[in-house]
Amino acid sequence: MDGYQVFRANYEECRVEADKATSPSSKAQWLLFAEEWLKQAEAAEAQQRRDAAIPAVPANKRTTQNRGGADITSRWTPL
């Protein structure tokens, strides 16, 4: 399960709990929780779309230019 799916599941669970709440303050708190989970889900979905749009470049092919315009191999590697 992707991160955004977990966030969405938590969002739905909070909505269900809000519907079951008997006091207005409890319902409001569950809805606040739901809103935060939804924000996290949307952020994770956006990040996944950005990651999918960036082509993977093998570490040995990453280059950058120094101030003189010469290509130098980058030593950066993703985590």
Protein backbone atom coordinates (compact mmCIF):
# COMPACT_ATOMS: atom_id res chain seq x y z
CA MET A 1 0.00 0.00 0.00
CA ASP A 2 1.40 3.39 -1.00
CA GLY A 3 1.75 6.15 1.58
CA TYR A 4 -1.10 8.18 0.16
CA GLN A 5 -3.40 5.15 0.40
CA VAL A 6 -2.62 4.81 4.11
CA PHE A 7 -3.34 8.52 4.56
CA ARG A 8 -6.63 8.17 2.68
CA ALA A 9 -7.61 5.16 4.80
CA ASN A 10 -6.90 7.15 7.97
CA TYR A 11 -8.94 10.03 6.57
CA GLU A 12 -11.90 7.72 5.95
CA GLU A 13 -11.57 6.19 9.42
CA CYS A 14 -11.69 9.64 11.01
CA ARG A 15 -14.78 10.53 8.98
CA VAL A 16 -16.50 7.37 10.21
CA GLU A 17 -15.55 8.16 13.81
CA ALA A 18 -16.85 11.72 13.37
CA ASP A 19 -20.20 10.32 12.20
CA LYS A 20 -20.36 8.10 15.30
CA ALA A 21 -19.38 10.87 17.74
CA THR A 22 -22.07 11.86 20.20
CA SER A 23 -20.74 15.23 21.30
CA PRO A 24 -20.16 18.23 19.04
CA SER A 25 -16.62 18.73 20.36
CA SER A 26 -15.69 15.10 19.70
CA LYS A 27 -17.15 15.27 16.21
CA ALA A 28 -15.21 18.49 15.51
CA GLN A 29 -11.96 16.90 16.70
CA TRP A 30 -12.44 13.86 14.46
CA LEU A 31 -13.14 16.15 11.52
CA LEU A 32 -9.93 18.08 12.23
CA PHE A 33 -8.02 14.81 12.26
CA ALA A 34 -9.66 13.84 8.97
CA GLU A 35 -8.71 17.15 7.40
CA GLU A 36 -5.06 16.68 8.37
CA TRP A 37 -4.98 13.14 6.97
CA LEU A 38 -6.52 14.40 3.75
CA LYS A 39 -3.82 17.09 3.44
CA GLN A 40 -1.16 14.42 3.90
CA ALA A 41 -2.80 12.18 1.30
CA GLU A 42 -2.99 15.00 -1.24
CA ALA A 43 0.64 15.96 -0.62
CA ALA A 44 1.78 12.35 -1.01
CA GLU A 45 -0.23 11.96 -4.23
CA ALA A 46 1.29 15.15 -5.64
CA GLN A 47 4.78 13.95 -4.73
CA GLN A 48 4.13 10.60 -6.39
CA ARG A 49 3.01 12.39 -9.59
CA ARG A 50 6.16 14.55 -9.53
CA ASP A 51 8.36 11.52 -8.98
CA ALA A 52 6.70 9.70 -11.87
CA ALA A 53 7.26 12.68 -14.17
CA ILE A 54 11.01 12.85 -13.51
CA PRO A 55 12.92 10.32 -15.62
CA ALA A 56 15.37 8.20 -13.70
CA VAL A 57 18.99 8.94 -14.55
CA PRO A 58 21.63 6.36 -13.67
CA ALA A 59 24.08 7.67 -11.06
CA ASN A 60 27.01 7.27 -13.43
CA LYS A 61 25.30 9.49 -16.03
CA ARG A 62 24.53 12.48 -13.78
CA THR A 63 26.53 15.51 -14.83
CA THR A 64 26.54 19.17 -14.10
CA GLN A 65 28.48 22.09 -15.43
CA ASN A 66 31.01 24.03 -13.45
CA ARG A 67 31.33 27.79 -13.84
CA GLY A 68 33.63 27.38 -16.82
CA GLY A 69 30.98 25.31 -18.62
CA ALA A 70 32.83 22.00 -18.38
CA ASP A 71 30.79 18.94 -17.49
CA ILE A 72 31.71 17.30 -14.21
CA THR A 73 30.29 14.05 -12.90
CA SER A 74 28.04 14.46 -9.91
CA ARG A 75 28.70 12.30 -6.89
CA TRP A 76 25.16 12.76 -5.58
CA THR A 77 23.16 9.59 -5.10
CA PRO A 78 19.54 9.37 -3.97
CA LEU A 79 18.67 7.94 -0.58
